[in-house]
Amino acid sequence: MNFFDRLHDRIVTVDSVVSVGLDPDPSRIPAHLQDHDLPRWAFNRRIIDATHEHAAVFKPNAAFYEDPDGFRALAETIAYAHGKNVPVLLDAKRADIGNTTRQYAELVDPDSPGPSADAITVNPYMGRDSLQPFLANEEAGVFVLCRTSNPGGADLQDLELETGEALYERVAALADLWNENDNVGLVVGATKPEELADLREQVPDLPFLVPGVGAQGGDAEAAVEYGLANGVGLVNSSRGIIFAGEDAGADFDTAAGRAAKRLKKRLNQYRDE
């Protein structure tokens, strides 16, 4: 099965579309974990144990692991999540030319020597050839950055083309064309519900990864209503879950589990309508 088939099964199994972002900022890891060999791994393991029954995927952001100990922590994290039968989506926003992007594509190659995720986020700015090694991998999911929720996203994404469409709308149309292996989704922020609705109408069959529902205050109802394609899609929360117990000391993971459960329940009220 390809990634989205596996994701569908996972969503059904846990009755959840929650993506738990594993962004272990070293400055926010509890003090009692700082003496571990790999504090980020120690933190993630507790988070995974507390939240896996509510998680459709775990989504580590590569920026928090790009050092020698970080890569070791990431490898342990991915293996442990897989041991809990939870897919892993690596938020890496990769793309480049030629041999470079082929190297990046090893991040979702199970035969590569390093950690291998089940899906990855990619940046479409350099065009199809920069994404081809990802698109050609029939088993891995490829989430194309389309409409982000940061204020500066408008600098480029809102630019109007000669056709009258915005640049982010062209990205969505291209991603739809690139979906020859049924392995492409879009990253679409939750802070502008009307744009979510418009994009869903434009590309009815592409699953969305919708960030911004947690700490960024995005629209949960719109994220579910427009983020899912045939029941498949993801709504991500990172800081809102993993640091929910930041002031709880050794019980930080219990608070994270409760936060994941609350988000699952909150989203499911819209899934069930």
C-alpha atoms as a PDB file:
ATOM      1  CA  MET A   1       0.000   0.000   0.000  1.00  0.00           C
ATOM      2  CA  ASN A   2       1.136   3.554  -0.612  1.00  0.00           C
ATOM      3  CA  PHE A   3       1.386   6.110   2.159  1.00  0.00           C
ATOM      4  CA  PHE A   4      -2.136   7.460   1.850  1.00  0.00           C
ATOM      5  CA  ASP A   5      -3.629   3.970   1.953  1.00  0.00           C
ATOM      6  CA  ARG A   6      -1.654   3.303   5.127  1.00  0.00           C
ATOM      7  CA  LEU A   7      -2.672   6.662   6.524  1.00  0.00           C
ATOM      8  CA  HIS A   8      -6.328   5.886   5.816  1.00  0.00           C
ATOM      9  CA  ASP A   9      -6.026   2.666   7.788  1.00  0.00           C
ATOM     10  CA  ARG A  10      -4.314   4.464  10.655  1.00  0.00           C
ATOM     11  CA  ILE A  11      -6.996   7.170  10.768  1.00  0.00           C
ATOM     12  CA  VAL A  12      -9.695   4.489  10.930  1.00  0.00           C
ATOM     13  CA  THR A  13      -7.835   2.505  13.589  1.00  0.00           C
ATOM     14  CA  VAL A  14      -7.380   5.383  16.030  1.00  0.00           C
ATOM     15  CA  ASP A  15     -10.359   7.459  14.839  1.00  0.00           C
ATOM     16  CA  SER A  16      -8.113  10.496  14.558  1.00  0.00           C
ATOM     17  CA  VAL A  17      -6.643  12.902  12.006  1.00  0.00           C
ATOM     18  CA  VAL A  18      -4.259  14.438  14.536  1.00  0.00           C
ATOM     19  CA  SER A  19      -0.655  14.952  13.489  1.00  0.00           C
ATOM     20  CA  VAL A  20       1.547  15.330  16.555  1.00  0.00           C
ATOM     21  CA  GLY A  21       4.501  17.552  15.728  1.00  0.00           C
ATOM     22  CA  LEU A  22       7.700  16.393  17.414  1.00  0.00           C
ATOM     23  CA  ASP A  23       9.701  19.624  17.630  1.00  0.00           C
ATOM     24  CA  PRO A  24      11.842  19.104  20.749  1.00  0.00           C
ATOM     25  CA  ASP A  25      13.320  22.553  21.272  1.00  0.00           C
ATOM     26  CA  PRO A  26      16.325  21.796  23.525  1.00  0.00           C
ATOM     27  CA  SER A  27      15.672  24.930  25.589  1.00  0.00           C
ATOM     28  CA  ARG A  28      12.192  23.646  26.508  1.00  0.00           C
ATOM     29  CA  ILE A  29      12.980  20.022  27.323  1.00  0.00           C
ATOM     30  CA  PRO A  30      12.350  19.370  31.054  1.00  0.00           C
ATOM     31  CA  ALA A  31      15.391  19.687  33.284  1.00  0.00           C
ATOM     32  CA  HIS A  32      15.199  16.086  34.509  1.00  0.00           C
ATOM     33  CA  LEU A  33      15.819  14.844  30.943  1.00  0.00           C
ATOM     34  CA  GLN A  34      18.795  17.063  30.193  1.00  0.00           C
ATOM     35  CA  ASP A  35      21.319  14.571  31.590  1.00  0.00           C
ATOM     36  CA  HIS A  36      20.220  11.787  29.231  1.00  0.00           C
ATOM     37  CA  ASP A  37      22.571  10.738  26.444  1.00  0.00           C
ATOM     38  CA  LEU A  38      20.022  12.013  23.911  1.00  0.00           C
ATOM     39  CA  PRO A  39      17.655  14.430  25.663  1.00  0.00           C
ATOM     40  CA  ARG A  40      15.568  14.962  22.523  1.00  0.00           C
ATOM     41  CA  TRP A  41      15.037  11.242  22.145  1.00  0.00           C
ATOM     42  CA  ALA A  42      14.211  10.855  25.832  1.00  0.00           C
ATOM     43  CA  PHE A  43      11.646  13.642  25.480  1.00  0.00           C
ATOM     44  CA  ASN A  44      10.139  12.246  22.268  1.00  0.00           C
ATOM     45  CA  ARG A  45       9.833   8.746  23.699  1.00  0.00           C
ATOM     46  CA  ARG A  46       7.726  10.014  26.578  1.00  0.00           C
ATOM     47  CA  ILE A  47       5.607  12.095  24.201  1.00  0.00           C
ATOM     48  CA  ILE A  48       5.070   9.130  21.860  1.00  0.00           C
ATOM     49  CA  ASP A  49       4.090   6.867  24.751  1.00  0.00           C
ATOM     50  CA  ALA A  50       1.563   9.441  25.949  1.00  0.00           C
ATOM     51  CA  THR A  51       0.034  10.403  22.602  1.00  0.00           C
ATOM     52  CA  HIS A  52       0.325   7.494  20.159  1.00  0.00           C
ATOM     53  CA  GLU A  53      -3.226   6.257  20.706  1.00  0.00           C
ATOM     54  CA  HIS A  54      -4.486   9.656  19.476  1.00  0.00           C
ATOM     55  CA  ALA A  55      -1.980  10.199  16.658  1.00  0.00           C
ATOM     56  CA  ALA A  56      -2.615   9.531  12.990  1.00  0.00           C
ATOM     57  CA  VAL A  57       1.039  10.438  12.379  1.00  0.00           C
ATOM     58  CA  PHE A  58       4.028  11.856  14.177  1.00  0.00           C
ATOM     59  CA  LYS A  59       5.637  14.801  12.405  1.00  0.00           C
ATOM     60  CA  PRO A  60       9.202  15.590  13.457  1.00  0.00           C
ATOM     61  CA  ASN A  61      10.549  18.845  12.055  1.00  0.00           C
ATOM     62  CA  ALA A  62      14.044  18.301  10.660  1.00  0.00           C
ATOM     63  CA  ALA A  63      15.261  21.678  11.948  1.00  0.00           C
ATOM     64  CA  PHE A  64      15.316  20.308  15.492  1.00  0.00           C
ATOM     65  CA  TYR A  65      17.558  17.361  14.599  1.00  0.00           C
ATOM     66  CA  GLU A  66      20.246  18.689  12.273  1.00  0.00           C
ATOM     67  CA  ASP A  67      23.336  17.931  14.320  1.00  0.00           C
ATOM     68  CA  PRO A  68      25.071  14.607  15.140  1.00  0.00           C
ATOM     69  CA  ASP A  69      23.111  13.858  18.322  1.00  0.00           C
ATOM     70  CA  GLY A  70      19.987  15.152  16.656  1.00  0.00           C
ATOM     71  CA  PHE A  71      20.195  12.659  13.797  1.00  0.00           C
ATOM     72  CA  ARG A  72      20.644   9.867  16.331  1.00  0.00           C
ATOM     73  CA  ALA A  73      17.596  11.143  18.222  1.00  0.00           C
ATOM     74  CA  LEU A  74      15.610  11.315  14.993  1.00  0.00           C
ATOM     75  CA  ALA A  75      16.531   7.749  14.032  1.00  0.00           C
ATOM     76  CA  GLU A  76      15.459   6.475  17.460  1.00  0.00           C
ATOM     77  CA  THR A  77      12.261   8.522  17.274  1.00  0.00           C
ATOM     78  CA  ILE A  78      11.268   7.176  13.865  1.00  0.00           C
ATOM     79  CA  ALA A  79      12.002   3.588  14.849  1.00  0.00           C
ATOM     80  CA  TYR A  80      10.036   3.930  18.084  1.00  0.00           C
ATOM     81  CA  ALA A  81       7.034   5.515  16.350  1.00  0.00           C
ATOM     82  CA  HIS A  82       7.048   2.684  13.814  1.00  0.00           C
ATOM     83  CA  GLY A  83       7.123   0.254  16.712  1.00  0.00           C
ATOM     84  CA  LYS A  84       3.857   1.822  17.865  1.00  0.00           C
ATOM     85  CA  ASN A  85       2.460   1.378  14.309  1.00  0.00           C
ATOM     86  CA  VAL A  86       2.335   5.137  13.756  1.00  0.00           C
ATOM     87  CA  PRO A  87       3.525   6.548  10.387  1.00  0.00           C
ATOM     88  CA  VAL A  88       6.137   9.293  10.431  1.00  0.00           C
ATOM     89  CA  LEU A  89       5.941  12.441   8.304  1.00  0.00           C
ATOM     90  CA  LEU A  90       9.249  14.295   8.203  1.00  0.00           C
ATOM     91  CA  ASP A  91       8.723  18.039   7.954  1.00  0.00           C
ATOM     92  CA  ALA A  92      11.887  18.855   5.995  1.00  0.00           C
ATOM     93  CA  LYS A  93      10.684  21.086   3.110  1.00  0.00           C
ATOM     94  CA  ARG A  94      13.346  19.625   0.818  1.00  0.00           C
ATOM     95  CA  ALA A  95      14.004  20.125  -2.911  1.00  0.00           C
ATOM     96  CA  ASP A  96      17.015  20.812  -5.060  1.00  0.00           C
ATOM     97  CA  ILE A  97      18.538  19.915  -8.404  1.00  0.00           C
ATOM     98  CA  GLY A  98      19.944  16.660  -9.747  1.00  0.00           C
ATOM     99  CA  ASN A  99      22.074  14.584  -7.451  1.00  0.00           C
ATOM    100  CA  THR A 100      21.306  16.766  -4.426  1.00  0.00           C
ATOM    101  CA  THR A 101      17.598  16.104  -4.465  1.00  0.00           C
ATOM    102  CA  ARG A 102      18.261  12.399  -5.004  1.00  0.00           C
ATOM    103  CA  GLN A 103      20.207  12.480  -1.755  1.00  0.00           C
ATOM    104  CA  TYR A 104      17.363  14.278  -0.020  1.00  0.00           C
ATOM    105  CA  ALA A 105      14.969  11.611  -1.281  1.00  0.00           C
ATOM    106  CA  GLU A 106      16.813   9.016   0.790  1.00  0.00           C
ATOM    107  CA  LEU A 107      14.978  10.479   3.782  1.00  0.00           C
ATOM    108  CA  VAL A 108      11.956   8.453   2.631  1.00  0.00           C
ATOM    109  CA  ASP A 109      13.863   5.465   1.252  1.00  0.00           C
ATOM    110  CA  PRO A 110      13.631   2.440   3.586  1.00  0.00           C
ATOM    111  CA  ASP A 111      16.833   1.054   2.043  1.00  0.00           C
ATOM    112  CA  SER A 112      18.878   4.130   2.939  1.00  0.00           C
ATOM    113  CA  PRO A 113      21.449   3.863   5.743  1.00  0.00           C
ATOM    114  CA  GLY A 114      19.915   6.698   7.752  1.00  0.00           C
ATOM    115  CA  PRO A 115      16.489   7.237   9.342  1.00  0.00           C
ATOM    116  CA  SER A 116      13.636   6.712   6.882  1.00  0.00           C
ATOM    117  CA  ALA A 117      10.258   8.417   7.245  1.00  0.00           C
ATOM    118  CA  ASP A 118       7.000   7.434   5.538  1.00  0.00           C
ATOM    119  CA  ALA A 119       6.284  10.868   4.084  1.00  0.00           C
ATOM    120  CA  ILE A 120       7.972  14.239   3.705  1.00  0.00           C
ATOM    121  CA  THR A 121       7.192  17.883   3.046  1.00  0.00           C
ATOM    122  CA  VAL A 122       8.793  19.432  -0.046  1.00  0.00           C
ATOM    123  CA  ASN A 123       9.244  22.915  -1.486  1.00  0.00           C
ATOM    124  CA  PRO A 124       7.969  23.378  -5.076  1.00  0.00           C
ATOM    125  CA  TYR A 125       9.787  26.642  -5.829  1.00  0.00           C
ATOM    126  CA  MET A 126      12.353  24.962  -8.123  1.00  0.00           C
ATOM    127  CA  GLY A 127       9.774  23.038 -10.139  1.00  0.00           C
ATOM    128  CA  ARG A 128       8.984  19.433 -10.908  1.00  0.00           C
ATOM    129  CA  ASP A 129      12.490  18.168 -11.631  1.00  0.00           C
ATOM    130  CA  SER A 130      13.573  19.225  -8.137  1.00  0.00           C
ATOM    131  CA  LEU A 131      10.836  16.976  -6.706  1.00  0.00           C
ATOM    132  CA  GLN A 132      10.979  14.091  -9.141  1.00  0.00           C
ATOM    133  CA  PRO A 133      12.841  11.608  -6.891  1.00  0.00           C
ATOM    134  CA  PHE A 134      10.147  12.116  -4.253  1.00  0.00           C
ATOM    135  CA  LEU A 135       7.263  11.926  -6.717  1.00  0.00           C
ATOM    136  CA  ALA A 136       8.665   8.728  -8.229  1.00  0.00           C
ATOM    137  CA  ASN A 137       8.628   6.951  -4.864  1.00  0.00           C
ATOM    138  CA  GLU A 138       5.240   5.264  -5.043  1.00  0.00           C
ATOM    139  CA  GLU A 139       5.180   4.228  -1.387  1.00  0.00           C
ATOM    140  CA  ALA A 140       6.137   7.539   0.259  1.00  0.00           C
ATOM    141  CA  GLY A 141       3.849  10.512   0.783  1.00  0.00           C
ATOM    142  CA  VAL A 142       4.878  13.890  -0.637  1.00  0.00           C
ATOM    143  CA  PHE A 143       3.277  16.997   0.871  1.00  0.00           C
ATOM    144  CA  VAL A 144       3.922  20.044  -1.317  1.00  0.00           C
ATOM    145  CA  LEU A 145       4.084  23.440   0.374  1.00  0.00           C
ATOM    146  CA  CYS A 146       1.179  25.395  -1.037  1.00  0.00           C
ATOM    147  CA  ARG A 147      -0.381  27.967   1.286  1.00  0.00           C
ATOM    148  CA  THR A 148       1.445  28.662   4.523  1.00  0.00           C
ATOM    149  CA  SER A 149       0.072  30.446   7.562  1.00  0.00           C
ATOM    150  CA  ASN A 150       3.042  32.711   8.318  1.00  0.00           C
ATOM    151  CA  PRO A 151       2.482  36.406   7.526  1.00  0.00           C
ATOM    152  CA  GLY A 152       5.408  36.549   5.098  1.00  0.00           C
ATOM    153  CA  GLY A 153       3.926  33.764   2.994  1.00  0.00           C
ATOM    154  CA  ALA A 154       1.954  36.419   1.142  1.00  0.00           C
ATOM    155  CA  ASP A 155       5.167  37.932  -0.228  1.00  0.00           C
ATOM    156  CA  LEU A 156       5.224  35.282  -2.957  1.00  0.00           C
ATOM    157  CA  GLN A 157       2.144  33.115  -2.541  1.00  0.00           C
ATOM    158  CA  ASP A 158      -0.308  35.945  -3.178  1.00  0.00           C
ATOM    159  CA  LEU A 159       1.340  37.114  -6.390  1.00  0.00           C
ATOM    160  CA  GLU A 160      -1.184  37.226  -9.229  1.00  0.00           C
ATOM    161  CA  LEU A 161      -0.203  35.471 -12.427  1.00  0.00           C
ATOM    162  CA  GLU A 162      -1.235  36.483 -15.940  1.00  0.00           C
ATOM    163  CA  THR A 163      -3.982  33.874 -15.755  1.00  0.00           C
ATOM    164  CA  GLY A 164      -5.547  35.725 -12.848  1.00  0.00           C
ATOM    165  CA  GLU A 165      -4.784  32.973 -10.341  1.00  0.00           C
ATOM    166  CA  ALA A 166      -2.568  33.427  -7.310  1.00  0.00           C
ATOM    167  CA  LEU A 167       0.786  31.673  -7.247  1.00  0.00           C
ATOM    168  CA  TYR A 168      -0.342  29.308  -4.472  1.00  0.00           C
ATOM    169  CA  GLU A 169      -3.300  28.292  -6.611  1.00  0.00           C
ATOM    170  CA  ARG A 170      -0.942  27.441  -9.470  1.00  0.00           C
ATOM    171  CA  VAL A 171       1.110  25.333  -7.041  1.00  0.00           C
ATOM    172  CA  ALA A 172      -2.033  23.390  -6.138  1.00  0.00           C
ATOM    173  CA  ALA A 173      -2.866  22.820  -9.801  1.00  0.00           C
ATOM    174  CA  LEU A 174       0.659  21.614 -10.543  1.00  0.00           C
ATOM    175  CA  ALA A 175       0.660  19.291  -7.533  1.00  0.00           C
ATOM    176  CA  ASP A 176      -2.539  17.767  -8.853  1.00  0.00           C
ATOM    177  CA  LEU A 177      -0.816  17.109 -12.192  1.00  0.00           C
ATOM    178  CA  TRP A 178       2.206  15.635 -10.414  1.00  0.00           C
ATOM    179  CA  ASN A 179       0.025  13.138  -8.522  1.00  0.00           C
ATOM    180  CA  GLU A 180       0.571  10.328 -11.017  1.00  0.00           C
ATOM    181  CA  ASN A 181       1.363   7.841  -8.246  1.00  0.00           C
ATOM    182  CA  ASP A 182      -1.413   8.932  -5.869  1.00  0.00           C
ATOM    183  CA  ASN A 183       1.220   9.995  -3.374  1.00  0.00           C
ATOM    184  CA  VAL A 184       0.882  13.803  -3.353  1.00  0.00           C
ATOM    185  CA  GLY A 185      -0.766  16.036  -0.781  1.00  0.00           C
ATOM    186  CA  LEU A 186      -0.638  19.760   0.006  1.00  0.00           C
ATOM    187  CA  VAL A 187       0.438  21.789   3.015  1.00  0.00           C
ATOM    188  CA  VAL A 188      -2.295  24.374   3.557  1.00  0.00           C
ATOM    189  CA  GLY A 189      -2.476  26.535   6.677  1.00  0.00           C
ATOM    190  CA  ALA A 190      -5.639  26.761   8.759  1.00  0.00           C
ATOM    191  CA  THR A 191      -5.619  30.489   9.424  1.00  0.00           C
ATOM    192  CA  LYS A 192      -7.663  31.457   6.327  1.00  0.00           C
ATOM    193  CA  PRO A 193     -10.673  29.124   6.068  1.00  0.00           C
ATOM    194  CA  GLU A 194     -11.947  30.644   2.815  1.00  0.00           C
ATOM    195  CA  GLU A 195      -8.711  29.729   1.075  1.00  0.00           C
ATOM    196  CA  LEU A 196      -8.901  26.201   2.419  1.00  0.00           C
ATOM    197  CA  ALA A 197     -12.378  25.934   0.930  1.00  0.00           C
ATOM    198  CA  ASP A 198     -11.287  27.314  -2.437  1.00  0.00           C
ATOM    199  CA  LEU A 199      -8.312  24.972  -2.668  1.00  0.00           C
ATOM    200  CA  ARG A 200     -10.438  21.968  -1.756  1.00  0.00           C
ATOM    201  CA  GLU A 201     -12.784  22.818  -4.619  1.00  0.00           C
ATOM    202  CA  GLN A 202      -9.830  23.181  -6.971  1.00  0.00           C
ATOM    203  CA  VAL A 203      -8.138  19.885  -6.024  1.00  0.00           C
ATOM    204  CA  PRO A 204     -10.835  17.629  -4.572  1.00  0.00           C
ATOM    205  CA  ASP A 205      -8.678  14.501  -4.345  1.00  0.00           C
ATOM    206  CA  LEU A 206      -5.474  15.740  -2.689  1.00  0.00           C
ATOM    207  CA  PRO A 207      -5.184  15.240   1.084  1.00  0.00           C
ATOM    208  CA  PHE A 208      -4.080  18.298   3.007  1.00  0.00           C
ATOM    209  CA  LEU A 209      -1.653  18.612   5.894  1.00  0.00           C
ATOM    210  CA  VAL A 210      -3.109  21.531   7.822  1.00  0.00           C
ATOM    211  CA  PRO A 211      -0.800  23.222  10.332  1.00  0.00           C
ATOM    212  CA  GLY A 212      -1.675  26.172  12.510  1.00  0.00           C
ATOM    213  CA  VAL A 213      -4.575  24.759  14.536  1.00  0.00           C
ATOM    214  CA  GLY A 214      -2.649  24.631  17.816  1.00  0.00           C
ATOM    215  CA  ALA A 215      -0.509  27.547  18.952  1.00  0.00           C
ATOM    216  CA  GLN A 216      -1.244  29.555  15.804  1.00  0.00           C
ATOM    217  CA  GLY A 217      -4.995  29.596  16.442  1.00  0.00           C
ATOM    218  CA  GLY A 218      -6.214  28.253  13.103  1.00  0.00           C
ATOM    219  CA  ASP A 219      -9.797  27.246  12.355  1.00  0.00           C
ATOM    220  CA  ALA A 220     -10.299  23.632  13.463  1.00  0.00           C
ATOM    221  CA  GLU A 221     -13.690  23.241  11.780  1.00  0.00           C
ATOM    222  CA  ALA A 222     -12.399  24.446   8.425  1.00  0.00           C
ATOM    223  CA  ALA A 223      -9.278  22.300   8.790  1.00  0.00           C
ATOM    224  CA  VAL A 224     -11.434  19.199   9.023  1.00  0.00           C
ATOM    225  CA  GLU A 225     -14.158  20.200   6.588  1.00  0.00           C
ATOM    226  CA  TYR A 226     -11.758  21.118   3.801  1.00  0.00           C
ATOM    227  CA  GLY A 227      -8.546  19.345   4.794  1.00  0.00           C
ATOM    228  CA  LEU A 228      -9.788  15.806   4.267  1.00  0.00           C
ATOM    229  CA  ALA A 229     -10.116  14.105   0.891  1.00  0.00           C
ATOM    230  CA  ASN A 230     -12.225  10.959   1.142  1.00  0.00           C
ATOM    231  CA  GLY A 231     -11.593  10.951   4.861  1.00  0.00           C
ATOM    232  CA  VAL A 232      -7.814  11.268   4.530  1.00  0.00           C
ATOM    233  CA  GLY A 233      -5.890  14.298   5.726  1.00  0.00           C
ATOM    234  CA  LEU A 234      -4.000  15.593   8.744  1.00  0.00           C
ATOM    235  CA  VAL A 235      -4.370  18.449  11.184  1.00  0.00           C
ATOM    236  CA  ASN A 236      -1.145  19.228  12.995  1.00  0.00           C
ATOM    237  CA  SER A 237      -0.376  20.576  16.418  1.00  0.00           C
ATOM    238  CA  SER A 238       3.179  20.712  17.705  1.00  0.00           C
ATOM    239  CA  ARG A 239       3.804  23.096  20.602  1.00  0.00           C
ATOM    240  CA  GLY A 240       0.170  22.935  21.705  1.00  0.00           C
ATOM    241  CA  ILE A 241       0.608  19.242  22.469  1.00  0.00           C
ATOM    242  CA  ILE A 242       4.228  18.502  23.291  1.00  0.00           C
ATOM    243  CA  PHE A 243       4.681  21.526  25.558  1.00  0.00           C
ATOM    244  CA  ALA A 244       1.216  21.408  27.128  1.00  0.00           C
ATOM    245  CA  GLY A 245       2.919  20.205  30.317  1.00  0.00           C
ATOM    246  CA  GLU A 246       5.877  22.563  30.199  1.00  0.00           C
ATOM    247  CA  ASP A 247       5.227  23.623  33.794  1.00  0.00           C
ATOM    248  CA  ALA A 248       4.314  20.134  34.998  1.00  0.00           C
ATOM    249  CA  GLY A 249       7.837  18.860  35.607  1.00  0.00           C
ATOM    250  CA  ALA A 250       8.107  15.081  35.402  1.00  0.00           C
ATOM    251  CA  ASP A 251       4.432  14.801  34.409  1.00  0.00           C
ATOM    252  CA  PHE A 252       4.889  16.758  31.176  1.00  0.00           C
ATOM    253  CA  ASP A 253       3.941  13.719  29.117  1.00  0.00           C
ATOM    254  CA  THR A 254       0.619  13.246  30.908  1.00  0.00           C
ATOM    255  CA  ALA A 255      -0.370  16.781  29.971  1.00  0.00           C
ATOM    256  CA  ALA A 256       0.701  16.137  26.369  1.00  0.00           C
ATOM    257  CA  GLY A 257      -1.479  13.046  26.223  1.00  0.00           C
ATOM    258  CA  ARG A 258      -4.460  14.994  27.483  1.00  0.00           C
ATOM    259  CA  ALA A 259      -3.828  17.759  24.928  1.00  0.00           C
ATOM    260  CA  ALA A 260      -3.673  15.241  22.064  1.00  0.00           C
ATOM    261  CA  LYS A 261      -6.888  13.617  23.251  1.00  0.00           C
ATOM    262  CA  ARG A 262      -8.628  17.004  23.468  1.00  0.00           C
ATOM    263  CA  LEU A 263      -7.581  17.942  19.949  1.00  0.00           C
ATOM    264  CA  LYS A 264      -8.707  14.573  18.618  1.00  0.00           C
ATOM    265  CA  LYS A 265     -12.115  15.055  20.257  1.00  0.00           C
ATOM    266  CA  ARG A 266     -12.347  18.638  19.014  1.00  0.00           C
ATOM    267  CA  LEU A 267     -11.606  17.639  15.434  1.00  0.00           C
ATOM    268  CA  ASN A 268     -13.828  14.573  15.503  1.00  0.00           C
ATOM    269  CA  GLN A 269     -16.918  16.609  16.283  1.00  0.00           C
ATOM    270  CA  TYR A 270     -16.560  18.073  12.782  1.00  0.00           C
ATOM    271  CA  ARG A 271     -15.603  14.757  11.162  1.00  0.00           C
ATOM    272  CA  ASP A 272     -18.774  13.153  12.464  1.00  0.00           C
ATOM    273  CA  GLU A 273     -21.172  15.779  11.077  1.00  0.00           C
END
